[in-house]
Protein backbone atom coordinates (compact mmCIF):
# COMPACT_ATOMS: atom_id res chain seq x y z
CA UNK A 1 -51.42 -64.12 -230.49
CA UNK A 2 -51.41 -60.53 -229.32
CA UNK A 3 -48.15 -59.14 -230.65
CA UNK A 4 -46.33 -56.11 -229.31
CA UNK A 5 -43.34 -54.88 -231.31
CA UNK A 6 -40.51 -52.52 -230.48
CA UNK A 7 -38.10 -50.93 -232.95
CA UNK A 8 -35.08 -49.10 -231.55
CA UNK A 9 -33.88 -46.11 -233.56
CA UNK A 10 -30.58 -44.26 -233.50
CA UNK A 11 -30.03 -41.63 -236.20
CA UNK A 12 -32.08 -43.58 -238.75
CA UNK A 13 -32.41 -42.71 -242.42
CA UNK A 14 -36.00 -41.45 -242.50
CA UNK A 15 -37.08 -42.91 -245.84
CA UNK A 16 -35.63 -46.36 -245.09
CA UNK A 17 -37.02 -46.27 -241.55
CA UNK A 18 -40.53 -45.56 -242.83
CA UNK A 19 -40.37 -48.33 -245.43
CA UNK A 20 -39.11 -50.83 -242.87
CA UNK A 21 -41.92 -50.01 -240.43
CA UNK A 22 -44.46 -50.37 -243.23
CA UNK A 23 -43.20 -53.92 -243.83
CA UNK A 24 -44.49 -55.15 -240.47
CA UNK A 25 -46.95 -52.63 -239.01
CA UNK A 26 -50.07 -54.39 -240.29
CA UNK A 27 -49.08 -57.66 -238.59
CA UNK A 28 -48.46 -56.25 -235.10
CA UNK A 29 -51.05 -55.07 -232.61
CA UNK A 30 -48.94 -52.20 -231.31
CA UNK A 31 -45.52 -50.76 -232.14
CA UNK A 32 -43.25 -48.98 -229.69
CA UNK A 33 -40.71 -46.74 -231.42
CA UNK A 34 -37.93 -46.32 -228.88
CA UNK A 35 -35.81 -43.29 -229.71
CA UNK A 36 -32.17 -43.60 -228.67
CA UNK A 37 -31.15 -40.58 -230.72
CA UNK A 38 -30.42 -37.70 -228.28
CA UNK A 39 -33.47 -35.46 -227.92
CA UNK A 40 -32.00 -32.41 -229.65
CA UNK A 41 -30.51 -34.40 -232.53
CA UNK A 42 -33.48 -36.42 -233.82
CA UNK A 43 -32.95 -36.42 -237.58
CA UNK A 44 -36.43 -37.24 -238.86
CA UNK A 45 -39.97 -35.92 -238.60
CA UNK A 46 -41.95 -38.07 -236.15
CA UNK A 47 -45.17 -37.01 -237.86
CA UNK A 48 -44.05 -38.94 -240.94
CA UNK A 49 -43.77 -42.05 -238.77
CA UNK A 50 -47.10 -41.70 -236.98
CA UNK A 51 -48.95 -41.20 -240.25
CA UNK A 52 -48.08 -44.81 -241.13
CA UNK A 53 -50.57 -45.91 -238.48
CA UNK A 54 -51.30 -43.42 -235.71
CA UNK A 55 -53.42 -45.89 -233.73
CA UNK A 56 -50.66 -48.48 -233.41
CA UNK A 57 -47.50 -46.40 -233.01
CA UNK A 58 -46.28 -45.06 -229.67
CA UNK A 59 -43.02 -43.10 -229.31
CA UNK A 60 -40.90 -43.87 -226.25
CA UNK A 61 -37.50 -42.92 -224.92
CA UNK A 62 -35.69 -40.82 -222.34
CA UNK A 63 -34.06 -38.23 -224.59
CA UNK A 64 -30.65 -39.92 -224.39
CA UNK A 65 -29.09 -43.12 -225.70
CA UNK A 66 -29.79 -45.75 -223.04
CA UNK A 67 -28.62 -48.70 -225.12
CA UNK A 68 -30.54 -51.78 -226.21
CA UNK A 69 -31.27 -53.65 -222.99
CA UNK A 70 -33.16 -50.89 -221.18
CA UNK A 71 -35.39 -50.26 -224.20
CA UNK A 72 -36.17 -53.96 -224.61
CA UNK A 73 -36.96 -54.36 -220.92
CA UNK A 74 -39.32 -51.39 -221.12
CA UNK A 75 -41.14 -53.16 -223.96
CA UNK A 76 -41.22 -56.45 -222.06
CA UNK A 77 -42.79 -54.82 -219.01
CA UNK A 78 -45.20 -52.83 -221.19
CA UNK A 79 -46.29 -56.08 -222.79
CA UNK A 80 -46.75 -57.83 -219.45
CA UNK A 81 -48.82 -54.96 -218.08
CA UNK A 82 -51.05 -54.66 -221.14
CA UNK A 83 -51.99 -58.24 -221.92
CA UNK A 84 -49.73 -58.98 -224.88
CA UNK A 85 -48.68 -62.59 -225.45
CA UNK A 86 -45.49 -62.03 -227.48
CA UNK A 87 -42.85 -59.35 -228.11
CA UNK A 88 -41.23 -58.75 -231.51
CA UNK A 89 -37.89 -56.93 -231.28
CA UNK A 90 -36.49 -55.03 -234.25
CA UNK A 91 -33.60 -52.86 -235.37
CA UNK A 92 -34.29 -49.78 -237.46
CA UNK A 93 -32.55 -51.32 -240.48
CA UNK A 94 -34.52 -54.59 -240.59
CA UNK A 95 -37.65 -55.41 -242.57
CA UNK A 96 -39.88 -58.31 -243.55
CA UNK A 97 -41.01 -59.20 -247.04
CA UNK A 98 -44.74 -59.20 -247.77
CA UNK A 99 -46.73 -61.51 -245.44
CA UNK A 100 -43.50 -62.92 -243.95
CA UNK A 101 -44.26 -61.74 -240.43
CA UNK A 102 -47.76 -63.20 -240.63
CA UNK A 103 -46.24 -66.57 -241.64
CA UNK A 104 -43.78 -66.24 -238.74
CA UNK A 105 -46.63 -65.73 -236.27
CA UNK A 106 -48.49 -68.76 -237.62
CA UNK A 107 -45.42 -70.98 -237.32
CA UNK A 108 -45.07 -69.98 -233.68
CA UNK A 109 -48.75 -70.74 -233.01
CA UNK A 110 -48.38 -74.15 -234.68
CA UNK A 111 -45.15 -74.97 -232.84
CA UNK A 112 -46.22 -76.94 -229.78
CA UNK A 113 -42.96 -77.10 -227.82
CA UNK A 114 -43.52 -74.99 -224.72
CA UNK A 115 -39.84 -74.94 -223.78
CA UNK A 116 -38.99 -72.30 -226.37
CA UNK A 117 -37.79 -69.00 -224.94
CA UNK A 118 -37.01 -67.16 -228.17
CA UNK A 119 -38.07 -67.60 -231.80
CA UNK A 120 -35.68 -66.31 -234.44
CA UNK A 121 -35.60 -65.62 -238.16
CA UNK A 122 -33.21 -66.40 -241.00
CA UNK A 123 -31.17 -63.31 -241.82
CA UNK A 124 -30.84 -62.25 -245.44
CA UNK A 125 -27.77 -60.08 -245.83
CA UNK A 126 -27.38 -57.39 -248.54
CA UNK A 127 -25.04 -59.63 -250.57
CA UNK A 128 -27.81 -62.23 -250.92
CA UNK A 129 -26.59 -64.82 -248.41
CA UNK A 130 -28.73 -66.22 -245.61
CA UNK A 131 -27.56 -67.33 -242.20
CA UNK A 132 -29.28 -70.73 -242.14
CA UNK A 133 -29.92 -71.69 -245.77
CA UNK A 134 -33.53 -72.19 -246.89
CA UNK A 135 -34.66 -75.29 -245.02
CA UNK A 136 -38.29 -75.65 -243.97
CA UNK A 137 -37.68 -77.46 -240.70
CA UNK A 138 -37.17 -75.38 -237.54
CA UNK A 139 -33.76 -75.70 -235.92
CA UNK A 140 -32.57 -75.25 -232.34
CA UNK A 141 -29.65 -72.82 -232.11
CA UNK A 142 -27.56 -71.42 -229.28
CA UNK A 143 -28.70 -67.88 -229.98
CA UNK A 144 -30.26 -65.56 -232.53
CA UNK A 145 -29.89 -61.83 -232.98
CA UNK A 146 -32.35 -59.47 -231.34
CA UNK A 147 -33.75 -58.03 -234.55
CA UNK A 148 -36.59 -60.14 -235.91
CA UNK A 149 -36.92 -62.25 -232.76
CA UNK A 150 -40.25 -62.97 -231.10
CA UNK A 151 -40.21 -63.67 -227.37
CA UNK A 152 -43.23 -65.20 -225.61
CA UNK A 153 -44.27 -63.21 -222.56
CA UNK A 154 -43.93 -66.46 -220.61
CA UNK A 155 -40.15 -66.04 -220.91
CA UNK A 156 -40.27 -62.69 -219.12
CA UNK A 157 -42.64 -64.11 -216.50
CA UNK A 158 -39.76 -66.38 -215.45
CA UNK A 159 -37.84 -63.21 -214.55
CA UNK A 160 -35.66 -63.57 -217.63
CA UNK A 161 -34.91 -60.08 -218.93
CA UNK A 162 -32.22 -58.33 -220.98
CA UNK A 163 -28.91 -57.29 -219.40
CA UNK A 164 -28.91 -53.49 -219.45
CA UNK A 165 -25.25 -53.24 -218.42
CA UNK A 166 -24.13 -54.71 -221.75
CA UNK A 167 -25.66 -51.61 -223.38
CA UNK A 168 -25.27 -52.63 -227.05
CA UNK A 169 -23.30 -55.67 -228.11
CA UNK A 170 -24.01 -59.16 -226.86
CA UNK A 171 -27.44 -58.36 -225.40
CA UNK A 172 -28.99 -60.99 -227.68
CA UNK A 173 -26.42 -63.68 -226.84
CA UNK A 174 -26.74 -63.06 -223.12
CA UNK A 175 -30.54 -63.29 -223.25
CA UNK A 176 -30.55 -66.58 -225.16
CA UNK A 177 -27.80 -68.11 -223.01
CA UNK A 178 -29.53 -67.00 -219.80
CA UNK A 179 -32.90 -68.38 -220.90
CA UNK A 180 -31.28 -71.75 -221.55
CA UNK A 181 -28.90 -71.90 -218.60
CA UNK A 182 -31.29 -70.71 -215.89
CA UNK A 183 -34.70 -71.73 -217.22
CA UNK A 184 -34.11 -74.59 -219.67
CA UNK A 185 -35.59 -72.59 -222.57
CA UNK A 186 -34.23 -73.06 -226.08
CA UNK A 187 -33.90 -70.72 -229.05
CA UNK A 188 -35.62 -71.90 -232.23
CA UNK A 189 -35.09 -70.46 -235.71
CA UNK A 190 -37.42 -70.94 -238.67
CA UNK A 191 -35.11 -70.85 -241.74
CA UNK A 192 -38.05 -70.22 -244.08
CA UNK A 193 -38.84 -66.94 -242.31
CA UNK A 194 -36.57 -64.36 -243.91
CA UNK A 195 -35.59 -61.08 -242.29
CA UNK A 196 -33.77 -58.56 -244.45
CA UNK A 197 -31.10 -57.05 -242.27
CA UNK A 198 -28.48 -54.40 -242.91
CA UNK A 199 -25.45 -54.69 -240.62
CA UNK A 200 -25.19 -50.91 -240.40
CA UNK A 201 -21.40 -50.60 -240.20
CA UNK A 202 -19.07 -50.69 -243.23
CA UNK A 203 -16.80 -53.69 -243.66
CA UNK A 204 -13.08 -53.01 -243.98
CA UNK A 205 -10.85 -55.52 -245.76
CA UNK A 206 -7.20 -56.23 -245.05
CA UNK A 207 -5.19 -59.02 -246.70
CA UNK A 208 -8.32 -60.96 -247.59
CA UNK A 209 -10.17 -60.69 -244.29
CA UNK A 210 -12.78 -58.17 -243.21
CA UNK A 211 -13.86 -56.53 -239.99
CA UNK A 212 -16.57 -54.03 -239.09
CA UNK A 213 -15.37 -50.43 -238.85
CA UNK A 214 -17.07 -49.63 -235.55
CA UNK A 215 -16.74 -46.27 -233.81
CA UNK A 216 -14.47 -46.07 -230.76
CA UNK A 217 -17.57 -46.08 -228.53
CA UNK A 218 -18.91 -49.24 -230.15
CA UNK A 219 -15.46 -50.86 -230.29
CA UNK A 220 -15.18 -50.62 -226.51
CA UNK A 221 -18.45 -52.49 -225.95
CA UNK A 222 -17.75 -55.09 -228.65
CA UNK A 223 -14.44 -56.11 -227.09
CA UNK A 224 -15.56 -55.87 -223.47
CA UNK A 225 -18.84 -57.73 -223.91
CA UNK A 226 -17.43 -60.57 -225.99
CA UNK A 227 -14.93 -61.30 -223.24
CA UNK A 228 -17.55 -60.95 -220.49
CA UNK A 229 -19.86 -63.40 -222.24
CA UNK A 230 -17.13 -66.02 -222.63
CA UNK A 231 -16.37 -65.71 -218.93
CA UNK A 232 -20.04 -65.74 -217.91
CA UNK A 233 -21.16 -68.61 -220.17
CA UNK A 234 -18.07 -70.75 -220.90
CA UNK A 235 -20.22 -73.80 -221.64
CA UNK A 236 -21.67 -72.08 -224.72
CA UNK A 237 -18.28 -71.56 -226.40
CA UNK A 238 -16.00 -74.26 -227.76
CA UNK A 239 -12.31 -73.76 -228.39
CA UNK A 240 -12.78 -72.89 -232.06
CA UNK A 241 -15.38 -70.25 -231.27
CA UNK A 242 -13.16 -68.64 -228.65
CA UNK A 243 -10.29 -68.49 -231.14
CA UNK A 244 -12.61 -66.99 -233.75
CA UNK A 245 -13.66 -64.22 -231.36
CA UNK A 246 -10.04 -63.39 -230.53
CA UNK A 247 -9.17 -63.37 -234.23
CA UNK A 248 -12.13 -61.30 -235.45
CA UNK A 249 -12.58 -58.81 -232.64
CA UNK A 250 -8.97 -58.32 -231.57
CA UNK A 251 -6.31 -59.39 -234.08
CA UNK A 252 -8.04 -58.61 -237.38
CA UNK A 253 -9.66 -55.50 -236.00
CA UNK A 254 -6.38 -53.99 -234.83
CA UNK A 255 -4.98 -54.37 -238.35
CA UNK A 256 -7.97 -52.69 -240.00
CA UNK A 257 -7.81 -49.84 -237.49
CA UNK A 258 -4.12 -49.25 -238.15
CA UNK A 259 -4.25 -49.51 -241.94
CA UNK A 260 -7.75 -48.39 -242.96
CA UNK A 261 -9.68 -46.52 -240.30
CA UNK A 262 -9.75 -43.00 -238.92
CA UNK A 263 -9.53 -42.14 -235.20
CA UNK A 264 -6.85 -44.81 -234.82
CA UNK A 265 -5.69 -43.72 -231.36
CA UNK A 266 -9.21 -43.48 -229.93
CA UNK A 267 -10.17 -46.90 -231.28
CA UNK A 268 -7.01 -48.65 -230.08
CA UNK A 269 -7.47 -47.14 -226.62
CA UNK A 270 -11.12 -48.23 -226.68
CA UNK A 271 -10.03 -51.79 -227.50
CA UNK A 272 -7.50 -51.82 -224.66
CA UNK A 273 -10.04 -50.42 -222.21
CA UNK A 274 -12.63 -52.98 -223.30
CA UNK A 275 -10.07 -55.79 -223.02
CA UNK A 276 -9.04 -54.72 -219.52
CA UNK A 277 -12.58 -54.32 -218.20
CA UNK A 278 -13.77 -57.51 -219.87
CA UNK A 279 -11.06 -59.49 -218.12
CA UNK A 280 -11.32 -57.82 -214.71
CA UNK A 281 -15.02 -57.14 -214.14
C-alpha cells in the first residue's frame, strides 16, 4: 500500500494540530496539509508543522476557504497522478492511537473483497463512547465520516469523486451513497480501529436534548445539505431516519438557537434559507 493522506485545517489549535499529525505521520507516505484558513488569518507557524517531517509534508490551498470537497478532490487527483494506491482523509481534530493506523492499513490489505469503495474507522468521542462498539468483525455500513476514512484509488478511477457544491456538511454521506448507488461499492468499517475525534462544535442542551451550536454559515449548509441528500438518495433513508433529521436539525436546533445561542436572527435566517434552497434546488 502506498498511502497518501490529506488533513484539512481551518483555524486549528497549533499544539493539538501538531500532536494529531504526529499520531499518523510515520504510517503515511505523504501528507497534504490543505489550508482552508484565509491566507492572512493563518493562526499557526507552518514551520512548526514541517519540522514534524519535512520530507513528507506538503502545504496546499488557495488562500481562501474552499470547503471540504474541493480539497479532497485535489488530494484524489494528486494521488492518481503520483502512483498512490490509497487516500486517507482527516480532520484537523482527529488522531490515531499508537500503531492504530498501521493496523488499519494491514486490515485493508488482508480484506479481499474488491467491491469496497471506502474503509472507515470506529469513532471514539471525548465522553468515551464509540460509534460501533468494540467488535473485531468488519461491518458494512451505509456511510462513514470523512475523517479517518481510507479510499482506494480504484474508487476514484471509476469517476467517483466528492461533491464540491456541498462545501462542508454531507460530503461524506454523498460520497458513500454515490459509490454504492452508481458503482456498487460498499462502505466497510473496522470497529477495532479506533479514531479519536473531537466534534469541534459545543453541544447545547434544552429540556434534555442537545444540538450542535453551529455558526450561521455552518447552519445554512447543515440544513440545506441534509434536505438535498434525502431528495437525492431517498433509498438510503427510512422513515425513522427522516424524522430524526427533521427533529435534530430543525426542531431541536431552533429551540437551542432561541434559548441558548447568540446571533439568533442570523442563525434563524440561515436555517430558513437552507430549508428553502434544500427544497427547491
